[in-house]
Amino acid sequence: MPESAARLRRLATRGLWHGAGVRPAAESVLHRGRVFDVARASITLPSGLAQTYDVVLHAGAAAIAALDESGRLLCVRQYRIPAGDWLVEVPAGRLEPGEDPLVAAQRELEEETGFRAERWSLLRRFFPAVGFCTEVMHLYLAQGLVPAGDTRRAMDDDEELEVVFKDPAELLATDLGDAKTMIAAALVLGLR
Protein backbone atom coordinates (compact mmCIF):
# COMPACT_ATOMS: atom_id res chain seq x y z
CA MET A 1 0.00 0.00 0.00
CA PRO A 2 1.41 3.44 -0.91
CA GLU A 3 2.48 5.55 2.07
CA SER A 4 -0.07 8.30 1.26
CA ALA A 5 -2.97 5.81 1.37
CA ALA A 6 -1.71 4.35 4.65
CA ARG A 7 -1.32 7.83 6.10
CA LEU A 8 -4.87 8.85 5.06
CA ARG A 9 -6.28 5.67 6.63
CA ARG A 10 -4.39 6.28 9.87
CA LEU A 11 -5.51 9.92 10.07
CA ALA A 12 -9.13 8.90 9.36
CA THR A 13 -9.09 6.82 12.56
CA ARG A 14 -8.04 9.85 14.62
CA GLY A 15 -4.50 8.57 14.84
CA LEU A 16 -1.13 10.24 14.36
CA TRP A 17 1.21 9.46 11.47
CA HIS A 18 4.97 9.99 11.80
CA GLY A 19 7.10 10.54 8.71
CA ALA A 20 10.42 8.96 7.83
CA GLY A 21 13.09 9.34 10.49
CA VAL A 22 10.74 10.78 13.12
CA ARG A 23 10.74 8.78 16.34
CA PRO A 24 7.61 8.90 18.52
CA ALA A 25 8.53 9.23 22.20
CA ALA A 26 5.14 9.45 23.94
CA GLU A 27 1.49 10.01 23.16
CA SER A 28 -1.48 10.48 25.47
CA VAL A 29 -5.11 11.42 24.85
CA LEU A 30 -6.11 14.54 26.78
CA HIS A 31 -9.73 14.73 25.56
CA ARG A 32 -12.14 12.44 23.71
CA GLY A 33 -15.01 14.21 21.95
CA ARG A 34 -17.83 13.60 19.51
CA VAL A 35 -16.09 15.38 16.62
CA PHE A 36 -12.41 15.20 17.58
CA ASP A 37 -9.93 14.08 20.22
CA VAL A 38 -6.94 16.01 21.58
CA ALA A 39 -3.61 14.27 22.18
CA ARG A 40 -0.22 15.32 23.51
CA ALA A 41 2.52 13.87 21.32
CA SER A 42 6.26 13.92 21.91
CA ILE A 43 8.63 13.11 19.05
CA THR A 44 12.30 13.27 18.17
CA LEU A 45 13.22 14.63 14.74
CA PRO A 46 16.10 13.10 12.72
CA SER A 47 18.31 16.01 13.86
CA GLY A 48 17.77 14.95 17.49
CA LEU A 49 15.48 17.87 18.33
CA ALA A 50 12.74 16.78 20.74
CA GLN A 51 9.29 18.36 20.36
CA THR A 52 6.00 18.10 22.24
CA TYR A 53 2.70 19.25 20.76
CA ASP A 54 -0.99 19.17 21.60
CA VAL A 55 -2.73 17.90 18.46
CA VAL A 56 -6.40 17.83 17.47
CA LEU A 57 -7.13 14.34 16.09
CA HIS A 58 -9.88 14.60 13.45
CA ALA A 59 -11.18 11.86 11.15
CA GLY A 60 -11.40 14.17 8.14
CA ALA A 61 -14.07 15.90 6.10
CA ALA A 62 -15.47 16.25 2.61
CA ALA A 63 -16.25 19.56 0.92
CA ILE A 64 -18.02 20.26 -2.34
CA ALA A 65 -17.33 22.84 -5.04
CA ALA A 66 -20.75 22.48 -6.70
CA LEU A 67 -21.03 24.52 -9.89
CA ASP A 68 -24.24 25.55 -11.60
CA GLU A 69 -24.54 26.12 -15.37
CA SER A 70 -23.49 29.77 -14.93
CA GLY A 71 -20.26 28.86 -13.13
CA ARG A 72 -21.51 29.97 -9.73
CA LEU A 73 -20.70 27.98 -6.58
CA LEU A 74 -23.56 26.51 -4.60
CA CYS A 75 -22.94 27.62 -1.00
CA VAL A 76 -24.59 27.71 2.38
CA ARG A 77 -24.77 30.61 4.80
CA GLN A 78 -24.53 29.54 8.41
CA TYR A 79 -23.61 30.91 11.82
CA ARG A 80 -20.16 29.85 13.02
CA ILE A 81 -19.60 30.24 16.76
CA PRO A 82 -15.75 30.46 16.54
CA ALA A 83 -16.01 33.25 13.95
CA GLY A 84 -18.86 34.96 15.78
CA ASP A 85 -20.56 35.59 12.45
CA TRP A 86 -22.60 34.20 9.57
CA LEU A 87 -20.25 32.80 6.92
CA VAL A 88 -20.86 31.76 3.33
CA GLU A 89 -19.22 28.39 2.71
CA VAL A 90 -19.18 25.54 0.25
CA PRO A 91 -21.13 22.57 1.66
CA ALA A 92 -19.01 20.26 3.80
CA GLY A 93 -19.17 17.76 6.59
CA ARG A 94 -17.09 15.36 8.60
CA LEU A 95 -16.49 11.78 7.57
CA GLU A 96 -18.21 9.02 9.49
CA PRO A 97 -15.80 6.27 10.67
CA GLY A 98 -14.64 4.28 7.64
CA GLU A 99 -16.75 6.33 5.22
CA ASP A 100 -15.58 6.91 1.65
CA PRO A 101 -15.00 10.68 1.22
CA LEU A 102 -16.98 10.77 -2.05
CA VAL A 103 -19.99 9.16 -0.35
CA ALA A 104 -19.73 11.77 2.43
CA ALA A 105 -19.54 14.59 -0.14
CA GLN A 106 -22.64 13.31 -1.93
CA ARG A 107 -24.51 13.02 1.37
CA GLU A 108 -23.50 16.49 2.56
CA LEU A 109 -24.42 18.20 -0.73
CA GLU A 110 -27.92 16.75 -0.58
CA GLU A 111 -28.47 17.27 3.16
CA GLU A 112 -27.21 20.85 3.24
CA THR A 113 -28.50 22.18 -0.09
CA GLY A 114 -31.23 19.87 -1.40
CA PHE A 115 -29.24 19.24 -4.60
CA ARG A 116 -27.55 16.21 -6.13
CA ALA A 117 -24.89 16.20 -8.83
CA GLU A 118 -24.57 14.04 -11.92
CA ARG A 119 -20.76 14.33 -12.23
CA TRP A 120 -18.13 14.18 -9.47
CA SER A 121 -14.34 14.46 -9.46
CA LEU A 122 -11.72 14.98 -6.75
CA LEU A 123 -10.26 18.49 -6.98
CA ARG A 124 -7.76 18.34 -4.12
CA ARG A 125 -6.99 16.97 -0.67
CA PHE A 126 -5.43 19.31 1.87
CA PHE A 127 -4.78 19.93 5.56
CA PRO A 128 -6.94 22.95 6.53
CA ALA A 129 -5.13 23.58 9.86
CA VAL A 130 -1.93 21.54 9.75
CA GLY A 131 -0.28 23.48 12.57
CA PHE A 132 -2.40 21.72 15.18
CA CYS A 133 -4.91 19.36 13.52
CA THR A 134 -4.78 16.03 11.63
CA GLU A 135 -7.94 16.76 9.59
CA VAL A 136 -7.67 16.05 5.86
CA MET A 137 -10.24 17.85 3.70
CA HIS A 138 -11.32 16.04 0.51
CA LEU A 139 -12.60 18.70 -1.93
CA TYR A 140 -14.79 17.49 -4.78
CA LEU A 141 -16.03 19.22 -7.91
CA ALA A 142 -19.75 18.51 -8.45
CA GLN A 143 -21.45 19.39 -11.73
CA GLY A 144 -24.82 18.75 -13.31
CA LEU A 145 -26.80 19.93 -10.29
CA VAL A 146 -30.37 18.67 -9.96
CA PRO A 147 -32.85 19.22 -7.12
CA ALA A 148 -33.21 16.17 -4.87
CA GLY A 149 -36.98 16.70 -4.69
CA ASP A 150 -39.23 14.71 -2.40
CA THR A 151 -36.56 12.09 -1.68
CA ARG A 152 -34.12 14.66 -0.24
CA ARG A 153 -32.10 13.55 2.77
CA ALA A 154 -33.00 15.52 5.86
CA MET A 155 -30.66 18.22 7.12
CA ASP A 156 -28.92 17.53 10.43
CA ASP A 157 -30.99 18.62 13.44
CA ASP A 158 -28.32 21.04 14.65
CA GLU A 159 -27.99 22.97 11.37
CA GLU A 160 -29.68 26.16 10.20
CA LEU A 161 -28.57 26.93 6.66
CA GLU A 162 -29.51 29.29 3.85
CA VAL A 163 -28.65 28.12 0.32
CA VAL A 164 -26.99 30.78 -1.87
CA PHE A 165 -25.19 30.82 -5.23
CA LYS A 166 -22.02 32.91 -5.39
CA ASP A 167 -19.55 33.85 -8.08
CA PRO A 168 -16.12 32.35 -7.19
CA ALA A 169 -14.39 35.73 -7.64
CA GLU A 170 -16.82 37.29 -5.15
CA LEU A 171 -15.96 34.60 -2.59
CA LEU A 172 -12.24 35.25 -3.05
CA ALA A 173 -12.79 38.96 -2.41
CA THR A 174 -14.22 38.22 1.06
CA ASP A 175 -12.14 39.97 3.72
CA LEU A 176 -12.35 37.25 6.39
CA GLY A 177 -13.78 34.14 4.79
CA ASP A 178 -13.79 30.40 5.17
CA ALA A 179 -10.54 28.76 3.99
CA LYS A 180 -12.05 25.69 2.27
CA THR A 181 -14.41 27.98 0.35
CA MET A 182 -11.58 30.24 -0.79
CA ILE A 183 -9.58 27.19 -1.91
CA ALA A 184 -12.62 25.86 -3.79
CA ALA A 185 -13.21 29.24 -5.44
CA ALA A 186 -9.57 29.59 -6.51
CA LEU A 187 -9.46 26.06 -7.94
CA VAL A 188 -12.73 26.55 -9.81
CA LEU A 189 -11.49 29.83 -11.30
CA GLY A 190 -8.36 27.98 -12.44
CA LEU A 191 -10.55 25.54 -14.38
CA ARG A 192 -12.01 28.33 -16.56
C-alpha atoms as a PDB file:
ATOM      1  CA  MET A   1       0.000   0.000   0.000  1.00  0.00           C
ATOM      2  CA  PRO A   2       1.407   3.439  -0.911  1.00  0.00           C
ATOM      3  CA  GLU A   3       2.482   5.554   2.066  1.00  0.00           C
ATOM      4  CA  SER A   4      -0.067   8.298   1.261  1.00  0.00           C
ATOM      5  CA  ALA A   5      -2.972   5.809   1.373  1.00  0.00           C
ATOM      6  CA  ALA A   6      -1.714   4.347   4.652  1.00  0.00           C
ATOM      7  CA  ARG A   7      -1.319   7.835   6.098  1.00  0.00           C
ATOM      8  CA  LEU A   8      -4.867   8.847   5.061  1.00  0.00           C
ATOM      9  CA  ARG A   9      -6.282   5.674   6.628  1.00  0.00           C
ATOM     10  CA  ARG A  10      -4.389   6.278   9.873  1.00  0.00           C
ATOM     11  CA  LEU A  11      -5.506   9.919  10.073  1.00  0.00           C
ATOM     12  CA  ALA A  12      -9.125   8.899   9.356  1.00  0.00           C
ATOM     13  CA  THR A  13      -9.091   6.816  12.557  1.00  0.00           C
ATOM     14  CA  ARG A  14      -8.042   9.847  14.625  1.00  0.00           C
ATOM     15  CA  GLY A  15      -4.498   8.567  14.844  1.00  0.00           C
ATOM     16  CA  LEU A  16      -1.131  10.237  14.355  1.00  0.00           C
ATOM     17  CA  TRP A  17       1.208   9.463  11.470  1.00  0.00           C
ATOM     18  CA  HIS A  18       4.968   9.989  11.799  1.00  0.00           C
ATOM     19  CA  GLY A  19       7.101  10.537   8.705  1.00  0.00           C
ATOM     20  CA  ALA A  20      10.425   8.960   7.832  1.00  0.00           C
ATOM     21  CA  GLY A  21      13.090   9.345  10.493  1.00  0.00           C
ATOM     22  CA  VAL A  22      10.740  10.784  13.116  1.00  0.00           C
ATOM     23  CA  ARG A  23      10.735   8.778  16.342  1.00  0.00           C
ATOM     24  CA  PRO A  24       7.610   8.904  18.520  1.00  0.00           C
ATOM     25  CA  ALA A  25       8.534   9.226  22.198  1.00  0.00           C
ATOM     26  CA  ALA A  26       5.142   9.447  23.940  1.00  0.00           C
ATOM     27  CA  GLU A  27       1.491  10.010  23.159  1.00  0.00           C
ATOM     28  CA  SER A  28      -1.483  10.480  25.468  1.00  0.00           C
ATOM     29  CA  VAL A  29      -5.106  11.420  24.847  1.00  0.00           C
ATOM     30  CA  LEU A  30      -6.114  14.544  26.784  1.00  0.00           C
ATOM     31  CA  HIS A  31      -9.728  14.730  25.560  1.00  0.00           C
ATOM     32  CA  ARG A  32     -12.144  12.442  23.711  1.00  0.00           C
ATOM     33  CA  GLY A  33     -15.006  14.206  21.950  1.00  0.00           C
ATOM     34  CA  ARG A  34     -17.832  13.603  19.509  1.00  0.00           C
ATOM     35  CA  VAL A  35     -16.089  15.379  16.618  1.00  0.00           C
ATOM     36  CA  PHE A  36     -12.415  15.198  17.578  1.00  0.00           C
ATOM     37  CA  ASP A  37      -9.928  14.076  20.217  1.00  0.00           C
ATOM     38  CA  VAL A  38      -6.937  16.007  21.577  1.00  0.00           C
ATOM     39  CA  ALA A  39      -3.612  14.273  22.180  1.00  0.00           C
ATOM     40  CA  ARG A  40      -0.224  15.316  23.512  1.00  0.00           C
ATOM     41  CA  ALA A  41       2.516  13.872  21.325  1.00  0.00           C
ATOM     42  CA  SER A  42       6.260  13.920  21.910  1.00  0.00           C
ATOM     43  CA  ILE A  43       8.632  13.114  19.053  1.00  0.00           C
ATOM     44  CA  THR A  44      12.300  13.272  18.174  1.00  0.00           C
ATOM     45  CA  LEU A  45      13.220  14.625  14.743  1.00  0.00           C
ATOM     46  CA  PRO A  46      16.097  13.098  12.720  1.00  0.00           C
ATOM     47  CA  SER A  47      18.309  16.014  13.864  1.00  0.00           C
ATOM     48  CA  GLY A  48      17.771  14.946  17.487  1.00  0.00           C
ATOM     49  CA  LEU A  49      15.484  17.871  18.329  1.00  0.00           C
ATOM     50  CA  ALA A  50      12.737  16.777  20.744  1.00  0.00           C
ATOM     51  CA  GLN A  51       9.285  18.365  20.359  1.00  0.00           C
ATOM     52  CA  THR A  52       5.996  18.097  22.240  1.00  0.00           C
ATOM     53  CA  TYR A  53       2.695  19.255  20.762  1.00  0.00           C
ATOM     54  CA  ASP A  54      -0.986  19.174  21.596  1.00  0.00           C
ATOM     55  CA  VAL A  55      -2.732  17.903  18.457  1.00  0.00           C
ATOM     56  CA  VAL A  56      -6.403  17.826  17.468  1.00  0.00           C
ATOM     57  CA  LEU A  57      -7.132  14.342  16.085  1.00  0.00           C
ATOM     58  CA  HIS A  58      -9.881  14.604  13.450  1.00  0.00           C
ATOM     59  CA  ALA A  59     -11.181  11.859  11.148  1.00  0.00           C
ATOM     60  CA  GLY A  60     -11.399  14.173   8.136  1.00  0.00           C
ATOM     61  CA  ALA A  61     -14.070  15.901   6.097  1.00  0.00           C
ATOM     62  CA  ALA A  62     -15.473  16.248   2.608  1.00  0.00           C
ATOM     63  CA  ALA A  63     -16.248  19.564   0.919  1.00  0.00           C
ATOM     64  CA  ILE A  64     -18.019  20.260  -2.340  1.00  0.00           C
ATOM     65  CA  ALA A  65     -17.328  22.844  -5.040  1.00  0.00           C
ATOM     66  CA  ALA A  66     -20.750  22.481  -6.698  1.00  0.00           C
ATOM     67  CA  LEU A  67     -21.031  24.522  -9.887  1.00  0.00           C
ATOM     68  CA  ASP A  68     -24.244  25.550 -11.596  1.00  0.00           C
ATOM     69  CA  GLU A  69     -24.541  26.124 -15.372  1.00  0.00           C
ATOM     70  CA  SER A  70     -23.495  29.767 -14.933  1.00  0.00           C
ATOM     71  CA  GLY A  71     -20.261  28.864 -13.134  1.00  0.00           C
ATOM     72  CA  ARG A  72     -21.513  29.967  -9.726  1.00  0.00           C
ATOM     73  CA  LEU A  73     -20.700  27.981  -6.585  1.00  0.00           C
ATOM     74  CA  LEU A  74     -23.559  26.512  -4.597  1.00  0.00           C
ATOM     75  CA  CYS A  75     -22.940  27.620  -1.003  1.00  0.00           C
ATOM     76  CA  VAL A  76     -24.589  27.705   2.385  1.00  0.00           C
ATOM     77  CA  ARG A  77     -24.773  30.615   4.796  1.00  0.00           C
ATOM     78  CA  GLN A  78     -24.532  29.536   8.414  1.00  0.00           C
ATOM     79  CA  TYR A  79     -23.612  30.906  11.816  1.00  0.00           C
ATOM     80  CA  ARG A  80     -20.159  29.848  13.017  1.00  0.00           C
ATOM     81  CA  ILE A  81     -19.598  30.244  16.761  1.00  0.00           C
ATOM     82  CA  PRO A  82     -15.748  30.458  16.543  1.00  0.00           C
ATOM     83  CA  ALA A  83     -16.007  33.254  13.948  1.00  0.00           C
ATOM     84  CA  GLY A  84     -18.859  34.958  15.777  1.00  0.00           C
ATOM     85  CA  ASP A  85     -20.563  35.594  12.452  1.00  0.00           C
ATOM     86  CA  TRP A  86     -22.603  34.198   9.568  1.00  0.00           C
ATOM     87  CA  LEU A  87     -20.252  32.799   6.919  1.00  0.00           C
ATOM     88  CA  VAL A  88     -20.855  31.762   3.326  1.00  0.00           C
ATOM     89  CA  GLU A  89     -19.223  28.395   2.708  1.00  0.00           C
ATOM     90  CA  VAL A  90     -19.178  25.539   0.250  1.00  0.00           C
ATOM     91  CA  PRO A  91     -21.131  22.571   1.656  1.00  0.00           C
ATOM     92  CA  ALA A  92     -19.006  20.265   3.802  1.00  0.00           C
ATOM     93  CA  GLY A  93     -19.168  17.764   6.594  1.00  0.00           C
ATOM     94  CA  ARG A  94     -17.088  15.357   8.596  1.00  0.00           C
ATOM     95  CA  LEU A  95     -16.493  11.779   7.572  1.00  0.00           C
ATOM     96  CA  GLU A  96     -18.208   9.020   9.486  1.00  0.00           C
ATOM     97  CA  PRO A  97     -15.798   6.271  10.670  1.00  0.00           C
ATOM     98  CA  GLY A  98     -14.641   4.278   7.641  1.00  0.00           C
ATOM     99  CA  GLU A  99     -16.749   6.329   5.217  1.00  0.00           C
ATOM    100  CA  ASP A 100     -15.578   6.914   1.650  1.00  0.00           C
ATOM    101  CA  PRO A 101     -14.996  10.681   1.218  1.00  0.00           C
ATOM    102  CA  LEU A 102     -16.984  10.765  -2.050  1.00  0.00           C
ATOM    103  CA  VAL A 103     -19.992   9.162  -0.345  1.00  0.00           C
ATOM    104  CA  ALA A 104     -19.725  11.768   2.426  1.00  0.00           C
ATOM    105  CA  ALA A 105     -19.540  14.590  -0.137  1.00  0.00           C
ATOM    106  CA  GLN A 106     -22.640  13.311  -1.935  1.00  0.00           C
ATOM    107  CA  ARG A 107     -24.515  13.021   1.374  1.00  0.00           C
ATOM    108  CA  GLU A 108     -23.502  16.491   2.557  1.00  0.00           C
ATOM    109  CA  LEU A 109     -24.417  18.196  -0.728  1.00  0.00           C
ATOM    110  CA  GLU A 110     -27.918  16.749  -0.582  1.00  0.00           C
ATOM    111  CA  GLU A 111     -28.466  17.273   3.157  1.00  0.00           C
ATOM    112  CA  GLU A 112     -27.213  20.853   3.239  1.00  0.00           C
ATOM    113  CA  THR A 113     -28.499  22.180  -0.094  1.00  0.00           C
ATOM    114  CA  GLY A 114     -31.225  19.870  -1.403  1.00  0.00           C
ATOM    115  CA  PHE A 115     -29.241  19.244  -4.597  1.00  0.00           C
ATOM    116  CA  ARG A 116     -27.555  16.211  -6.126  1.00  0.00           C
ATOM    117  CA  ALA A 117     -24.894  16.201  -8.828  1.00  0.00           C
ATOM    118  CA  GLU A 118     -24.565  14.037 -11.917  1.00  0.00           C
ATOM    119  CA  ARG A 119     -20.762  14.333 -12.226  1.00  0.00           C
ATOM    120  CA  TRP A 120     -18.131  14.180  -9.470  1.00  0.00           C
ATOM    121  CA  SER A 121     -14.338  14.464  -9.463  1.00  0.00           C
ATOM    122  CA  LEU A 122     -11.719  14.976  -6.749  1.00  0.00           C
ATOM    123  CA  LEU A 123     -10.262  18.486  -6.978  1.00  0.00           C
ATOM    124  CA  ARG A 124      -7.763  18.342  -4.119  1.00  0.00           C
ATOM    125  CA  ARG A 125      -6.989  16.972  -0.671  1.00  0.00           C
ATOM    126  CA  PHE A 126      -5.426  19.312   1.870  1.00  0.00           C
ATOM    127  CA  PHE A 127      -4.775  19.930   5.561  1.00  0.00           C
ATOM    128  CA  PRO A 128      -6.942  22.949   6.528  1.00  0.00           C
ATOM    129  CA  ALA A 129      -5.133  23.585   9.859  1.00  0.00           C
ATOM    130  CA  VAL A 130      -1.928  21.537   9.747  1.00  0.00           C
ATOM    131  CA  GLY A 131      -0.279  23.476  12.568  1.00  0.00           C
ATOM    132  CA  PHE A 132      -2.403  21.719  15.176  1.00  0.00           C
ATOM    133  CA  CYS A 133      -4.909  19.359  13.516  1.00  0.00           C
ATOM    134  CA  THR A 134      -4.776  16.029  11.628  1.00  0.00           C
ATOM    135  CA  GLU A 135      -7.939  16.759   9.593  1.00  0.00           C
ATOM    136  CA  VAL A 136      -7.666  16.054   5.859  1.00  0.00           C
ATOM    137  CA  MET A 137     -10.239  17.846   3.702  1.00  0.00           C
ATOM    138  CA  HIS A 138     -11.315  16.044   0.508  1.00  0.00           C
ATOM    139  CA  LEU A 139     -12.597  18.700  -1.927  1.00  0.00           C
ATOM    140  CA  TYR A 140     -14.792  17.488  -4.778  1.00  0.00           C
ATOM    141  CA  LEU A 141     -16.027  19.223  -7.911  1.00  0.00           C
ATOM    142  CA  ALA A 142     -19.746  18.511  -8.452  1.00  0.00           C
ATOM    143  CA  GLN A 143     -21.454  19.393 -11.731  1.00  0.00           C
ATOM    144  CA  GLY A 144     -24.816  18.753 -13.311  1.00  0.00           C
ATOM    145  CA  LEU A 145     -26.798  19.934 -10.295  1.00  0.00           C
ATOM    146  CA  VAL A 146     -30.367  18.668  -9.963  1.00  0.00           C
ATOM    147  CA  PRO A 147     -32.854  19.224  -7.124  1.00  0.00           C
ATOM    148  CA  ALA A 148     -33.212  16.172  -4.868  1.00  0.00           C
ATOM    149  CA  GLY A 149     -36.975  16.703  -4.691  1.00  0.00           C
ATOM    150  CA  ASP A 150     -39.235  14.708  -2.396  1.00  0.00           C
ATOM    151  CA  THR A 151     -36.559  12.086  -1.679  1.00  0.00           C
ATOM    152  CA  ARG A 152     -34.125  14.658  -0.244  1.00  0.00           C
ATOM    153  CA  ARG A 153     -32.099  13.552   2.768  1.00  0.00           C
ATOM    154  CA  ALA A 154     -32.996  15.515   5.863  1.00  0.00           C
ATOM    155  CA  MET A 155     -30.660  18.218   7.117  1.00  0.00           C
ATOM    156  CA  ASP A 156     -28.921  17.529  10.433  1.00  0.00           C
ATOM    157  CA  ASP A 157     -30.992  18.618  13.442  1.00  0.00           C
ATOM    158  CA  ASP A 158     -28.323  21.043  14.651  1.00  0.00           C
ATOM    159  CA  GLU A 159     -27.988  22.968  11.366  1.00  0.00           C
ATOM    160  CA  GLU A 160     -29.679  26.164  10.202  1.00  0.00           C
ATOM    161  CA  LEU A 161     -28.574  26.929   6.664  1.00  0.00           C
ATOM    162  CA  GLU A 162     -29.511  29.287   3.847  1.00  0.00           C
ATOM    163  CA  VAL A 163     -28.647  28.119   0.319  1.00  0.00           C
ATOM    164  CA  VAL A 164     -26.985  30.783  -1.874  1.00  0.00           C
ATOM    165  CA  PHE A 165     -25.189  30.816  -5.230  1.00  0.00           C
ATOM    166  CA  LYS A 166     -22.020  32.910  -5.391  1.00  0.00           C
ATOM    167  CA  ASP A 167     -19.546  33.846  -8.082  1.00  0.00           C
ATOM    168  CA  PRO A 168     -16.116  32.347  -7.194  1.00  0.00           C
ATOM    169  CA  ALA A 169     -14.387  35.732  -7.635  1.00  0.00           C
ATOM    170  CA  GLU A 170     -16.825  37.295  -5.151  1.00  0.00           C
ATOM    171  CA  LEU A 171     -15.964  34.601  -2.592  1.00  0.00           C
ATOM    172  CA  LEU A 172     -12.243  35.250  -3.046  1.00  0.00           C
ATOM    173  CA  ALA A 173     -12.791  38.960  -2.409  1.00  0.00           C
ATOM    174  CA  THR A 174     -14.216  38.222   1.056  1.00  0.00           C
ATOM    175  CA  ASP A 175     -12.135  39.969   3.724  1.00  0.00           C
ATOM    176  CA  LEU A 176     -12.348  37.254   6.388  1.00  0.00           C
ATOM    177  CA  GLY A 177     -13.775  34.135   4.785  1.00  0.00           C
ATOM    178  CA  ASP A 178     -13.794  30.403   5.167  1.00  0.00           C
ATOM    179  CA  ALA A 179     -10.542  28.763   3.988  1.00  0.00           C
ATOM    180  CA  LYS A 180     -12.046  25.694   2.266  1.00  0.00           C
ATOM    181  CA  THR A 181     -14.412  27.978   0.352  1.00  0.00           C
ATOM    182  CA  MET A 182     -11.582  30.236  -0.787  1.00  0.00           C
ATOM    183  CA  ILE A 183      -9.577  27.193  -1.914  1.00  0.00           C
ATOM    184  CA  ALA A 184     -12.621  25.859  -3.787  1.00  0.00           C
ATOM    185  CA  ALA A 185     -13.212  29.244  -5.441  1.00  0.00           C
ATOM    186  CA  ALA A 186      -9.573  29.588  -6.510  1.00  0.00           C
ATOM    187  CA  LEU A 187      -9.460  26.061  -7.937  1.00  0.00           C
ATOM    188  CA  VAL A 188     -12.730  26.550  -9.810  1.00  0.00           C
ATOM    189  CA  LEU A 189     -11.495  29.828 -11.300  1.00  0.00           C
ATOM    190  CA  GLY A 190      -8.361  27.981 -12.436  1.00  0.00           C
ATOM    191  CA  LEU A 191     -10.550  25.538 -14.379  1.00  0.00           C
ATOM    192  CA  ARG A 192     -12.009  28.331 -16.559  1.00  0.00           C
END
